[in-house]
């Protein structure tokens, strides 16, 4: 089970009350303007009523005429200035970012900001907000991985290896990264072990692992209930819980065997599609992880 924390530049979003009204971050270039549309905000406006409500008879004709007038006005404004393909600039900038070419990305951002505007046409407004969204770089990612202790002298070896592999990927993509490995039973984990911060965006990820927890039928205070209560107390922003459905407890051997065969056939077909046969790590997954899984032992 993994806990993902994203450290953002601001605290978690909380919607404003109706009495406060929406809080909008203003562009400095617009805030001093007397024509700022946000300063004249009303519950309803003639323009929005025309678009949202007028859809029949004479009012429909008025709406069509209104749309034509908007299109003509946009065409006149566009003809007065050089036409720039902002979509192409944005894609080129994204390619430069993916290639870690900071120089080209910065230069392209300058061009995008020069030709975009929060008050222009649709493409200019879109480009303006895309350009602003690139500031600050990726958020800091902190992952806490909890795994059952492995037998032998190195109980945390597997989960620590996972951390090193993730750190290597993060370095490749220039993502600020921290990893905290916990080698203990999930039900014995405590809230303070997780090193949480209230300003983090928190994701709890538990994919096909809750099958290792006992339920109420086996224990009065089940480990499954303890872990789910811990997650509830954490109150993550996102909880990803993946389970495998199958009749592994069917009374007849043939039924159980068929279910397990279908389950693992899908997994082996997946590896056959994406992983070369000679890769040693594929054999490790097939032998050490899947062969020793509860699905196999349910037979």
C-alpha atoms as a PDB file:
ATOM      1  CA  UNK A   1       0.000   0.000   0.000  1.00  0.00           C
ATOM      2  CA  UNK A   2       1.338   3.413  -0.952  1.00  0.00           C
ATOM      3  CA  UNK A   3       0.666   6.950   0.268  1.00  0.00           C
ATOM      4  CA  UNK A   4       1.401   9.638  -2.328  1.00  0.00           C
ATOM      5  CA  UNK A   5       1.805  13.227  -1.150  1.00  0.00           C
ATOM      6  CA  UNK A   6       2.069  16.197  -3.498  1.00  0.00           C
ATOM      7  CA  UNK A   7       3.364  19.381  -1.902  1.00  0.00           C
ATOM      8  CA  UNK A   8       1.632  22.231  -3.663  1.00  0.00           C
ATOM      9  CA  UNK A   9       2.358  25.935  -3.588  1.00  0.00           C
ATOM     10  CA  UNK A  10      -0.874  26.659  -1.741  1.00  0.00           C
ATOM     11  CA  UNK A  11      -3.119  24.920   0.741  1.00  0.00           C
ATOM     12  CA  UNK A  12      -6.027  22.701  -0.209  1.00  0.00           C
ATOM     13  CA  UNK A  13      -8.868  24.416  -2.028  1.00  0.00           C
ATOM     14  CA  UNK A  14     -11.946  25.172   0.034  1.00  0.00           C
ATOM     15  CA  UNK A  15     -14.995  26.515  -1.803  1.00  0.00           C
ATOM     16  CA  UNK A  16     -16.107  29.979  -0.692  1.00  0.00           C
ATOM     17  CA  UNK A  17     -19.480  30.515   0.925  1.00  0.00           C
ATOM     18  CA  UNK A  18     -22.259  32.117  -1.081  1.00  0.00           C
ATOM     19  CA  UNK A  19     -22.016  35.265   1.025  1.00  0.00           C
ATOM     20  CA  UNK A  20     -18.325  35.698   0.181  1.00  0.00           C
ATOM     21  CA  UNK A  21     -18.606  35.244  -3.548  1.00  0.00           C
ATOM     22  CA  UNK A  22     -15.864  33.602  -5.630  1.00  0.00           C
ATOM     23  CA  UNK A  23     -12.284  34.656  -5.011  1.00  0.00           C
ATOM     24  CA  UNK A  24     -10.505  35.304  -8.299  1.00  0.00           C
ATOM     25  CA  UNK A  25      -6.798  35.833  -8.794  1.00  0.00           C
ATOM     26  CA  UNK A  26      -6.421  38.875 -11.000  1.00  0.00           C
ATOM     27  CA  UNK A  27      -3.855  39.600 -13.671  1.00  0.00           C
ATOM     28  CA  UNK A  28      -1.923  42.737 -12.516  1.00  0.00           C
ATOM     29  CA  UNK A  29      -2.317  44.263 -15.969  1.00  0.00           C
ATOM     30  CA  UNK A  30      -6.100  44.029 -15.657  1.00  0.00           C
ATOM     31  CA  UNK A  31      -6.597  44.869 -11.986  1.00  0.00           C
ATOM     32  CA  UNK A  32      -5.989  48.577 -12.474  1.00  0.00           C
ATOM     33  CA  UNK A  33      -8.301  48.874 -15.454  1.00  0.00           C
ATOM     34  CA  UNK A  34     -11.667  50.543 -14.966  1.00  0.00           C
ATOM     35  CA  UNK A  35     -13.119  48.263 -17.641  1.00  0.00           C
ATOM     36  CA  UNK A  36     -12.395  45.107 -15.633  1.00  0.00           C
ATOM     37  CA  UNK A  37     -15.426  42.832 -16.260  1.00  0.00           C
ATOM     38  CA  UNK A  38     -14.980  41.024 -12.960  1.00  0.00           C
ATOM     39  CA  UNK A  39     -15.500  44.262 -11.010  1.00  0.00           C
ATOM     40  CA  UNK A  40     -18.895  44.622 -12.707  1.00  0.00           C
ATOM     41  CA  UNK A  41     -19.946  41.033 -12.107  1.00  0.00           C
ATOM     42  CA  UNK A  42     -23.679  40.457 -11.715  1.00  0.00           C
ATOM     43  CA  UNK A  43     -25.841  37.421 -11.110  1.00  0.00           C
ATOM     44  CA  UNK A  44     -27.198  37.670 -14.657  1.00  0.00           C
ATOM     45  CA  UNK A  45     -26.252  39.577 -17.761  1.00  0.00           C
ATOM     46  CA  UNK A  46     -27.952  40.288 -21.059  1.00  0.00           C
ATOM     47  CA  UNK A  47     -25.187  38.542 -22.992  1.00  0.00           C
ATOM     48  CA  UNK A  48     -25.431  35.303 -21.032  1.00  0.00           C
ATOM     49  CA  UNK A  49     -29.231  35.339 -21.123  1.00  0.00           C
ATOM     50  CA  UNK A  50     -29.090  35.682 -24.897  1.00  0.00           C
ATOM     51  CA  UNK A  51     -26.790  32.649 -25.216  1.00  0.00           C
ATOM     52  CA  UNK A  52     -28.374  30.423 -22.570  1.00  0.00           C
ATOM     53  CA  UNK A  53     -32.101  31.160 -22.843  1.00  0.00           C
ATOM     54  CA  UNK A  54     -32.948  32.399 -26.350  1.00  0.00           C
ATOM     55  CA  UNK A  55     -33.389  29.251 -28.428  1.00  0.00           C
ATOM     56  CA  UNK A  56     -36.861  29.430 -30.026  1.00  0.00           C
ATOM     57  CA  UNK A  57     -38.708  31.518 -32.638  1.00  0.00           C
ATOM     58  CA  UNK A  58     -37.722  35.160 -32.931  1.00  0.00           C
ATOM     59  CA  UNK A  59     -35.248  34.844 -30.070  1.00  0.00           C
ATOM     60  CA  UNK A  60     -33.402  32.082 -31.971  1.00  0.00           C
ATOM     61  CA  UNK A  61     -33.025  34.406 -34.962  1.00  0.00           C
ATOM     62  CA  UNK A  62     -31.640  37.065 -32.636  1.00  0.00           C
ATOM     63  CA  UNK A  63     -29.171  34.566 -31.216  1.00  0.00           C
ATOM     64  CA  UNK A  64     -27.977  33.591 -34.712  1.00  0.00           C
ATOM     65  CA  UNK A  65     -27.502  37.255 -35.606  1.00  0.00           C
ATOM     66  CA  UNK A  66     -25.652  37.861 -32.350  1.00  0.00           C
ATOM     67  CA  UNK A  67     -23.265  34.976 -33.061  1.00  0.00           C
ATOM     68  CA  UNK A  68     -22.589  36.325 -36.549  1.00  0.00           C
ATOM     69  CA  UNK A  69     -21.781  39.745 -35.130  1.00  0.00           C
ATOM     70  CA  UNK A  70     -19.326  38.195 -32.658  1.00  0.00           C
ATOM     71  CA  UNK A  71     -17.662  36.222 -35.454  1.00  0.00           C
ATOM     72  CA  UNK A  72     -17.364  39.289 -37.676  1.00  0.00           C
ATOM     73  CA  UNK A  73     -15.872  41.324 -34.838  1.00  0.00           C
ATOM     74  CA  UNK A  74     -13.313  38.590 -34.118  1.00  0.00           C
ATOM     75  CA  UNK A  75     -12.408  38.410 -37.834  1.00  0.00           C
ATOM     76  CA  UNK A  76     -11.820  42.181 -37.996  1.00  0.00           C
ATOM     77  CA  UNK A  77      -9.641  42.145 -34.871  1.00  0.00           C
ATOM     78  CA  UNK A  78      -7.610  39.172 -36.161  1.00  0.00           C
ATOM     79  CA  UNK A  79      -6.988  40.813 -39.544  1.00  0.00           C
ATOM     80  CA  UNK A  80      -5.393  43.818 -37.832  1.00  0.00           C
ATOM     81  CA  UNK A  81      -2.532  41.765 -36.422  1.00  0.00           C
ATOM     82  CA  UNK A  82      -0.191  39.011 -37.527  1.00  0.00           C
ATOM     83  CA  UNK A  83      -1.775  35.572 -37.239  1.00  0.00           C
ATOM     84  CA  UNK A  84       0.252  33.260 -34.991  1.00  0.00           C
ATOM     85  CA  UNK A  85      -0.393  29.539 -34.656  1.00  0.00           C
ATOM     86  CA  UNK A  86      -0.536  29.394 -30.864  1.00  0.00           C
ATOM     87  CA  UNK A  87      -1.433  25.683 -30.830  1.00  0.00           C
ATOM     88  CA  UNK A  88       1.781  24.896 -32.711  1.00  0.00           C
ATOM     89  CA  UNK A  89       3.783  27.042 -30.278  1.00  0.00           C
ATOM     90  CA  UNK A  90       2.222  25.267 -27.291  1.00  0.00           C
ATOM     91  CA  UNK A  91       2.980  21.824 -28.718  1.00  0.00           C
ATOM     92  CA  UNK A  92       6.564  22.841 -29.530  1.00  0.00           C
ATOM     93  CA  UNK A  93       6.939  24.135 -25.973  1.00  0.00           C
ATOM     94  CA  UNK A  94       5.605  20.848 -24.577  1.00  0.00           C
ATOM     95  CA  UNK A  95       8.098  18.933 -26.713  1.00  0.00           C
ATOM     96  CA  UNK A  96      10.937  21.117 -25.409  1.00  0.00           C
ATOM     97  CA  UNK A  97       9.819  20.464 -21.822  1.00  0.00           C
ATOM     98  CA  UNK A  98       9.679  16.707 -22.473  1.00  0.00           C
ATOM     99  CA  UNK A  99      13.209  16.851 -23.919  1.00  0.00           C
ATOM    100  CA  UNK A 100      14.415  18.875 -20.890  1.00  0.00           C
ATOM    101  CA  UNK A 101      15.394  21.714 -23.252  1.00  0.00           C
ATOM    102  CA  UNK A 102      14.867  24.619 -20.846  1.00  0.00           C
ATOM    103  CA  UNK A 103      16.316  27.225 -23.194  1.00  0.00           C
ATOM    104  CA  UNK A 104      13.912  26.458 -26.038  1.00  0.00           C
ATOM    105  CA  UNK A 105      10.973  26.077 -23.659  1.00  0.00           C
ATOM    106  CA  UNK A 106      11.642  29.484 -22.102  1.00  0.00           C
ATOM    107  CA  UNK A 107      11.934  31.186 -25.501  1.00  0.00           C
ATOM    108  CA  UNK A 108       8.711  29.561 -26.726  1.00  0.00           C
ATOM    109  CA  UNK A 109       6.914  30.665 -23.559  1.00  0.00           C
ATOM    110  CA  UNK A 110       7.992  34.247 -24.255  1.00  0.00           C
ATOM    111  CA  UNK A 111       6.477  34.030 -27.738  1.00  0.00           C
ATOM    112  CA  UNK A 112       3.272  32.490 -26.413  1.00  0.00           C
ATOM    113  CA  UNK A 113       2.864  35.212 -23.778  1.00  0.00           C
ATOM    114  CA  UNK A 114       3.590  37.880 -26.368  1.00  0.00           C
ATOM    115  CA  UNK A 115       0.805  36.730 -28.702  1.00  0.00           C
ATOM    116  CA  UNK A 116      -1.734  35.490 -26.133  1.00  0.00           C
ATOM    117  CA  UNK A 117      -4.147  37.462 -23.983  1.00  0.00           C
ATOM    118  CA  UNK A 118      -6.771  36.796 -21.299  1.00  0.00           C
ATOM    119  CA  UNK A 119      -9.069  39.161 -23.217  1.00  0.00           C
ATOM    120  CA  UNK A 120      -8.395  37.947 -26.786  1.00  0.00           C
ATOM    121  CA  UNK A 121     -10.118  35.315 -28.904  1.00  0.00           C
ATOM    122  CA  UNK A 122     -10.554  31.708 -27.784  1.00  0.00           C
ATOM    123  CA  UNK A 123      -7.134  30.494 -28.888  1.00  0.00           C
ATOM    124  CA  UNK A 124      -5.382  33.488 -27.325  1.00  0.00           C
ATOM    125  CA  UNK A 125      -7.152  33.005 -24.007  1.00  0.00           C
ATOM    126  CA  UNK A 126      -6.388  29.277 -24.030  1.00  0.00           C
ATOM    127  CA  UNK A 127      -2.703  29.909 -24.745  1.00  0.00           C
ATOM    128  CA  UNK A 128      -2.540  32.550 -22.007  1.00  0.00           C
ATOM    129  CA  UNK A 129      -3.758  30.156 -19.321  1.00  0.00           C
ATOM    130  CA  UNK A 130      -1.626  27.257 -20.574  1.00  0.00           C
ATOM    131  CA  UNK A 131       1.445  29.485 -20.416  1.00  0.00           C
ATOM    132  CA  UNK A 132       0.650  30.593 -16.867  1.00  0.00           C
ATOM    133  CA  UNK A 133       0.060  26.979 -15.762  1.00  0.00           C
ATOM    134  CA  UNK A 134       3.698  26.046 -16.566  1.00  0.00           C
ATOM    135  CA  UNK A 135       5.187  28.180 -13.833  1.00  0.00           C
ATOM    136  CA  UNK A 136       6.771  26.540 -10.791  1.00  0.00           C
ATOM    137  CA  UNK A 137       7.643  23.157 -12.250  1.00  0.00           C
ATOM    138  CA  UNK A 138       6.363  19.805 -10.992  1.00  0.00           C
ATOM    139  CA  UNK A 139       5.209  19.469  -7.374  1.00  0.00           C
ATOM    140  CA  UNK A 140       7.334  17.620  -4.850  1.00  0.00           C
ATOM    141  CA  UNK A 141       6.308  13.974  -4.649  1.00  0.00           C
ATOM    142  CA  UNK A 142       6.630  12.051  -1.401  1.00  0.00           C
ATOM    143  CA  UNK A 143       5.720   8.340  -1.364  1.00  0.00           C
ATOM    144  CA  UNK A 144       5.406   6.225   1.761  1.00  0.00           C
ATOM    145  CA  UNK A 145       5.421   2.529   0.918  1.00  0.00           C
ATOM    146  CA  UNK A 146       4.257  -0.050   3.467  1.00  0.00           C
ATOM    147  CA  UNK A 147       5.092  -3.704   2.871  1.00  0.00           C
ATOM    148  CA  UNK A 148       4.990  -6.844   4.958  1.00  0.00           C
ATOM    149  CA  UNK A 149       8.442  -7.749   6.335  1.00  0.00           C
ATOM    150  CA  UNK A 150      10.279 -10.305   4.245  1.00  0.00           C
ATOM    151  CA  UNK A 151      11.802 -13.390   5.921  1.00  0.00           C
ATOM    152  CA  UNK A 152      15.546 -13.343   6.531  1.00  0.00           C
ATOM    153  CA  UNK A 153      18.065 -10.758   7.660  1.00  0.00           C
ATOM    154  CA  UNK A 154      16.778  -7.957   5.390  1.00  0.00           C
ATOM    155  CA  UNK A 155      13.032  -7.625   6.023  1.00  0.00           C
ATOM    156  CA  UNK A 156      12.794  -4.271   4.195  1.00  0.00           C
ATOM    157  CA  UNK A 157      14.935  -5.194   1.186  1.00  0.00           C
ATOM    158  CA  UNK A 158      12.104  -5.437  -1.342  1.00  0.00           C
ATOM    159  CA  UNK A 159      10.371  -2.181  -0.452  1.00  0.00           C
ATOM    160  CA  UNK A 160      13.657  -0.278  -0.229  1.00  0.00           C
ATOM    161  CA  UNK A 161      14.556  -1.544  -3.703  1.00  0.00           C
ATOM    162  CA  UNK A 162      11.214  -0.187  -4.910  1.00  0.00           C
ATOM    163  CA  UNK A 163      12.140   3.208  -3.463  1.00  0.00           C
ATOM    164  CA  UNK A 164      15.487   3.246  -5.245  1.00  0.00           C
ATOM    165  CA  UNK A 165      13.832   2.380  -8.548  1.00  0.00           C
ATOM    166  CA  UNK A 166      11.224   5.130  -8.139  1.00  0.00           C
ATOM    167  CA  UNK A 167      13.903   7.652  -7.168  1.00  0.00           C
ATOM    168  CA  UNK A 168      15.784   6.833 -10.353  1.00  0.00           C
ATOM    169  CA  UNK A 169      12.685   7.447 -12.473  1.00  0.00           C
ATOM    170  CA  UNK A 170      11.984  10.718 -10.648  1.00  0.00           C
ATOM    171  CA  UNK A 171      15.536  11.905 -11.300  1.00  0.00           C
ATOM    172  CA  UNK A 172      15.137  11.068 -14.990  1.00  0.00           C
ATOM    173  CA  UNK A 173      12.096  13.348 -15.254  1.00  0.00           C
ATOM    174  CA  UNK A 174      13.395  16.048 -12.853  1.00  0.00           C
ATOM    175  CA  UNK A 175      10.624  15.483 -10.304  1.00  0.00           C
ATOM    176  CA  UNK A 176      11.513  16.408  -6.683  1.00  0.00           C
ATOM    177  CA  UNK A 177      11.077  13.118  -4.852  1.00  0.00           C
ATOM    178  CA  UNK A 178      11.236  11.565  -1.395  1.00  0.00           C
ATOM    179  CA  UNK A 179      10.544   7.973  -0.417  1.00  0.00           C
ATOM    180  CA  UNK A 180       9.806   6.566   3.014  1.00  0.00           C
ATOM    181  CA  UNK A 181       9.864   2.776   3.392  1.00  0.00           C
ATOM    182  CA  UNK A 182       7.977   1.059   6.211  1.00  0.00           C
ATOM    183  CA  UNK A 183       8.459  -2.675   6.694  1.00  0.00           C
ATOM    184  CA  UNK A 184       5.695  -3.807   9.030  1.00  0.00           C
ATOM    185  CA  UNK A 185       2.204  -5.241   9.027  1.00  0.00           C
ATOM    186  CA  UNK A 186      -0.350  -2.767   7.755  1.00  0.00           C
ATOM    187  CA  UNK A 187      -2.607  -3.126  10.780  1.00  0.00           C
ATOM    188  CA  UNK A 188       0.254  -2.116  13.101  1.00  0.00           C
ATOM    189  CA  UNK A 189       0.999   1.081  11.169  1.00  0.00           C
ATOM    190  CA  UNK A 190       0.167   4.313  12.952  1.00  0.00           C
ATOM    191  CA  UNK A 191      -0.801   7.724  11.657  1.00  0.00           C
ATOM    192  CA  UNK A 192       2.460   9.293  12.837  1.00  0.00           C
ATOM    193  CA  UNK A 193       4.440   6.720  10.807  1.00  0.00           C
ATOM    194  CA  UNK A 194       3.173   8.262   7.577  1.00  0.00           C
ATOM    195  CA  UNK A 195       4.776  11.721   7.960  1.00  0.00           C
ATOM    196  CA  UNK A 196       1.725  13.581   6.635  1.00  0.00           C
ATOM    197  CA  UNK A 197       1.298  17.316   6.149  1.00  0.00           C
ATOM    198  CA  UNK A 198      -2.154  18.908   6.149  1.00  0.00           C
ATOM    199  CA  UNK A 199      -1.236  21.041   3.127  1.00  0.00           C
ATOM    200  CA  UNK A 200      -0.316  18.043   0.967  1.00  0.00           C
ATOM    201  CA  UNK A 201      -2.537  16.560  -1.700  1.00  0.00           C
ATOM    202  CA  UNK A 202      -2.776  12.967  -0.447  1.00  0.00           C
ATOM    203  CA  UNK A 203      -3.425   9.802  -2.470  1.00  0.00           C
ATOM    204  CA  UNK A 204      -3.749   6.328  -0.915  1.00  0.00           C
ATOM    205  CA  UNK A 205      -3.105   3.537  -3.406  1.00  0.00           C
ATOM    206  CA  UNK A 206      -4.003  -0.083  -2.586  1.00  0.00           C
ATOM    207  CA  UNK A 207      -4.088  -2.248  -5.693  1.00  0.00           C
ATOM    208  CA  UNK A 208      -5.032  -5.905  -5.236  1.00  0.00           C
ATOM    209  CA  UNK A 209      -3.339  -6.083  -1.823  1.00  0.00           C
ATOM    210  CA  UNK A 210      -6.247  -5.960   0.634  1.00  0.00           C
ATOM    211  CA  UNK A 211      -6.741  -9.682  -0.028  1.00  0.00           C
ATOM    212  CA  UNK A 212      -3.826 -10.195   2.395  1.00  0.00           C
ATOM    213  CA  UNK A 213      -5.870  -8.762   5.272  1.00  0.00           C
ATOM    214  CA  UNK A 214      -8.116 -10.893   7.469  1.00  0.00           C
ATOM    215  CA  UNK A 215     -11.799 -10.017   7.527  1.00  0.00           C
ATOM    216  CA  UNK A 216     -14.398 -10.185  10.291  1.00  0.00           C
ATOM    217  CA  UNK A 217     -15.112 -13.852   9.634  1.00  0.00           C
ATOM    218  CA  UNK A 218     -11.622 -14.767  10.851  1.00  0.00           C
ATOM    219  CA  UNK A 219     -10.928 -12.258  13.650  1.00  0.00           C
ATOM    220  CA  UNK A 220     -13.165 -10.272  15.996  1.00  0.00           C
ATOM    221  CA  UNK A 221     -11.183  -7.093  15.303  1.00  0.00           C
ATOM    222  CA  UNK A 222     -10.047  -7.771  11.780  1.00  0.00           C
ATOM    223  CA  UNK A 223      -6.886  -6.337  10.255  1.00  0.00           C
ATOM    224  CA  UNK A 224      -8.951  -5.231   7.265  1.00  0.00           C
ATOM    225  CA  UNK A 225     -11.178  -3.077   9.486  1.00  0.00           C
ATOM    226  CA  UNK A 226      -8.153  -1.580  11.267  1.00  0.00           C
ATOM    227  CA  UNK A 227      -6.506  -0.586   7.984  1.00  0.00           C
ATOM    228  CA  UNK A 228      -9.691   0.849   6.472  1.00  0.00           C
ATOM    229  CA  UNK A 229     -10.284   2.868   9.652  1.00  0.00           C
ATOM    230  CA  UNK A 230      -6.740   4.234   9.399  1.00  0.00           C
ATOM    231  CA  UNK A 231      -7.371   5.322   5.813  1.00  0.00           C
ATOM    232  CA  UNK A 232     -10.661   6.915   6.886  1.00  0.00           C
ATOM    233  CA  UNK A 233      -8.882   8.865   9.619  1.00  0.00           C
ATOM    234  CA  UNK A 234      -6.252  10.011   7.143  1.00  0.00           C
ATOM    235  CA  UNK A 235      -9.044  11.358   4.913  1.00  0.00           C
ATOM    236  CA  UNK A 236      -7.083  11.254   1.641  1.00  0.00           C
ATOM    237  CA  UNK A 237      -7.988  13.402  -1.339  1.00  0.00           C
ATOM    238  CA  UNK A 238      -8.076  10.241  -3.472  1.00  0.00           C
ATOM    239  CA  UNK A 239      -8.322   6.579  -2.405  1.00  0.00           C
ATOM    240  CA  UNK A 240      -7.539   4.017  -5.129  1.00  0.00           C
ATOM    241  CA  UNK A 241      -8.680   0.536  -4.118  1.00  0.00           C
ATOM    242  CA  UNK A 242      -8.316  -2.295  -6.625  1.00  0.00           C
ATOM    243  CA  UNK A 243      -9.654  -5.796  -5.968  1.00  0.00           C
ATOM    244  CA  UNK A 244      -9.846  -9.046  -7.916  1.00  0.00           C
ATOM    245  CA  UNK A 245     -13.220 -10.759  -8.097  1.00  0.00           C
ATOM    246  CA  UNK A 246     -13.273 -14.546  -8.407  1.00  0.00           C
ATOM    247  CA  UNK A 247     -14.944 -17.600  -6.935  1.00  0.00           C
ATOM    248  CA  UNK A 248     -11.755 -18.842  -5.306  1.00  0.00           C
ATOM    249  CA  UNK A 249     -13.688 -20.339  -2.385  1.00  0.00           C
ATOM    250  CA  UNK A 250     -16.033 -22.439  -4.529  1.00  0.00           C
ATOM    251  CA  UNK A 251     -16.678 -25.920  -3.060  1.00  0.00           C
ATOM    252  CA  UNK A 252     -15.437 -27.859  -6.096  1.00  0.00           C
ATOM    253  CA  UNK A 253     -11.791 -28.045  -7.145  1.00  0.00           C
ATOM    254  CA  UNK A 254     -12.508 -27.747 -10.871  1.00  0.00           C
ATOM    255  CA  UNK A 255     -14.428 -24.469 -10.385  1.00  0.00           C
ATOM    256  CA  UNK A 256     -11.601 -22.968  -8.312  1.00  0.00           C
ATOM    257  CA  UNK A 257      -9.016 -24.193 -10.824  1.00  0.00           C
ATOM    258  CA  UNK A 258     -10.899 -22.635 -13.749  1.00  0.00           C
ATOM    259  CA  UNK A 259     -11.135 -19.259 -11.992  1.00  0.00           C
ATOM    260  CA  UNK A 260      -7.421 -19.211 -11.170  1.00  0.00           C
ATOM    261  CA  UNK A 261      -6.516 -20.300 -14.698  1.00  0.00           C
ATOM    262  CA  UNK A 262      -8.560 -17.487 -16.267  1.00  0.00           C
ATOM    263  CA  UNK A 263      -7.110 -14.931 -13.860  1.00  0.00           C
ATOM    264  CA  UNK A 264      -3.469 -15.798 -14.532  1.00  0.00           C
ATOM    265  CA  UNK A 265      -4.011 -16.306 -18.264  1.00  0.00           C
ATOM    266  CA  UNK A 266      -4.899 -12.623 -18.514  1.00  0.00           C
ATOM    267  CA  UNK A 267      -1.785 -11.594 -16.537  1.00  0.00           C
ATOM    268  CA  UNK A 268       0.587 -13.800 -18.545  1.00  0.00           C
ATOM    269  CA  UNK A 269      -0.950 -12.585 -21.820  1.00  0.00           C
ATOM    270  CA  UNK A 270      -0.359  -9.006 -20.673  1.00  0.00           C
ATOM    271  CA  UNK A 271       3.338  -9.680 -20.047  1.00  0.00           C
ATOM    272  CA  UNK A 272       3.640 -11.531 -23.337  1.00  0.00           C
ATOM    273  CA  UNK A 273       2.361  -8.411 -25.088  1.00  0.00           C
ATOM    274  CA  UNK A 274       4.681  -5.842 -23.508  1.00  0.00           C
ATOM    275  CA  UNK A 275       7.747  -7.656 -22.059  1.00  0.00           C
ATOM    276  CA  UNK A 276      10.341  -9.623 -24.098  1.00  0.00           C
ATOM    277  CA  UNK A 277      10.613 -13.289 -23.129  1.00  0.00           C
ATOM    278  CA  UNK A 278      14.343 -13.144 -22.338  1.00  0.00           C
ATOM    279  CA  UNK A 279      14.025 -10.390 -19.693  1.00  0.00           C
ATOM    280  CA  UNK A 280      14.979 -11.913 -16.278  1.00  0.00           C
ATOM    281  CA  UNK A 281      12.643  -9.574 -14.396  1.00  0.00           C
ATOM    282  CA  UNK A 282       9.693 -11.144 -16.188  1.00  0.00           C
ATOM    283  CA  UNK A 283      10.572 -14.538 -14.780  1.00  0.00           C
ATOM    284  CA  UNK A 284      10.921 -13.005 -11.317  1.00  0.00           C
ATOM    285  CA  UNK A 285       7.385 -11.599 -11.552  1.00  0.00           C
ATOM    286  CA  UNK A 286       5.963 -14.878 -12.832  1.00  0.00           C
ATOM    287  CA  UNK A 287       7.760 -17.081 -10.324  1.00  0.00           C
ATOM    288  CA  UNK A 288       8.201 -15.135  -7.090  1.00  0.00           C
ATOM    289  CA  UNK A 289       5.155 -12.873  -7.137  1.00  0.00           C
ATOM    290  CA  UNK A 290       2.364 -14.570  -9.040  1.00  0.00           C
ATOM    291  CA  UNK A 291       3.275 -18.182  -8.274  1.00  0.00           C
ATOM    292  CA  UNK A 292       3.233 -17.404  -4.555  1.00  0.00           C
ATOM    293  CA  UNK A 293       0.023 -15.374  -4.658  1.00  0.00           C
ATOM    294  CA  UNK A 294      -3.084 -16.244  -2.611  1.00  0.00           C
ATOM    295  CA  UNK A 295      -4.947 -17.054  -5.844  1.00  0.00           C
ATOM    296  CA  UNK A 296      -2.636 -19.998  -6.497  1.00  0.00           C
ATOM    297  CA  UNK A 297      -2.770 -21.171  -2.907  1.00  0.00           C
ATOM    298  CA  UNK A 298      -6.571 -21.018  -2.920  1.00  0.00           C
ATOM    299  CA  UNK A 299      -6.546 -24.239  -4.928  1.00  0.00           C
END
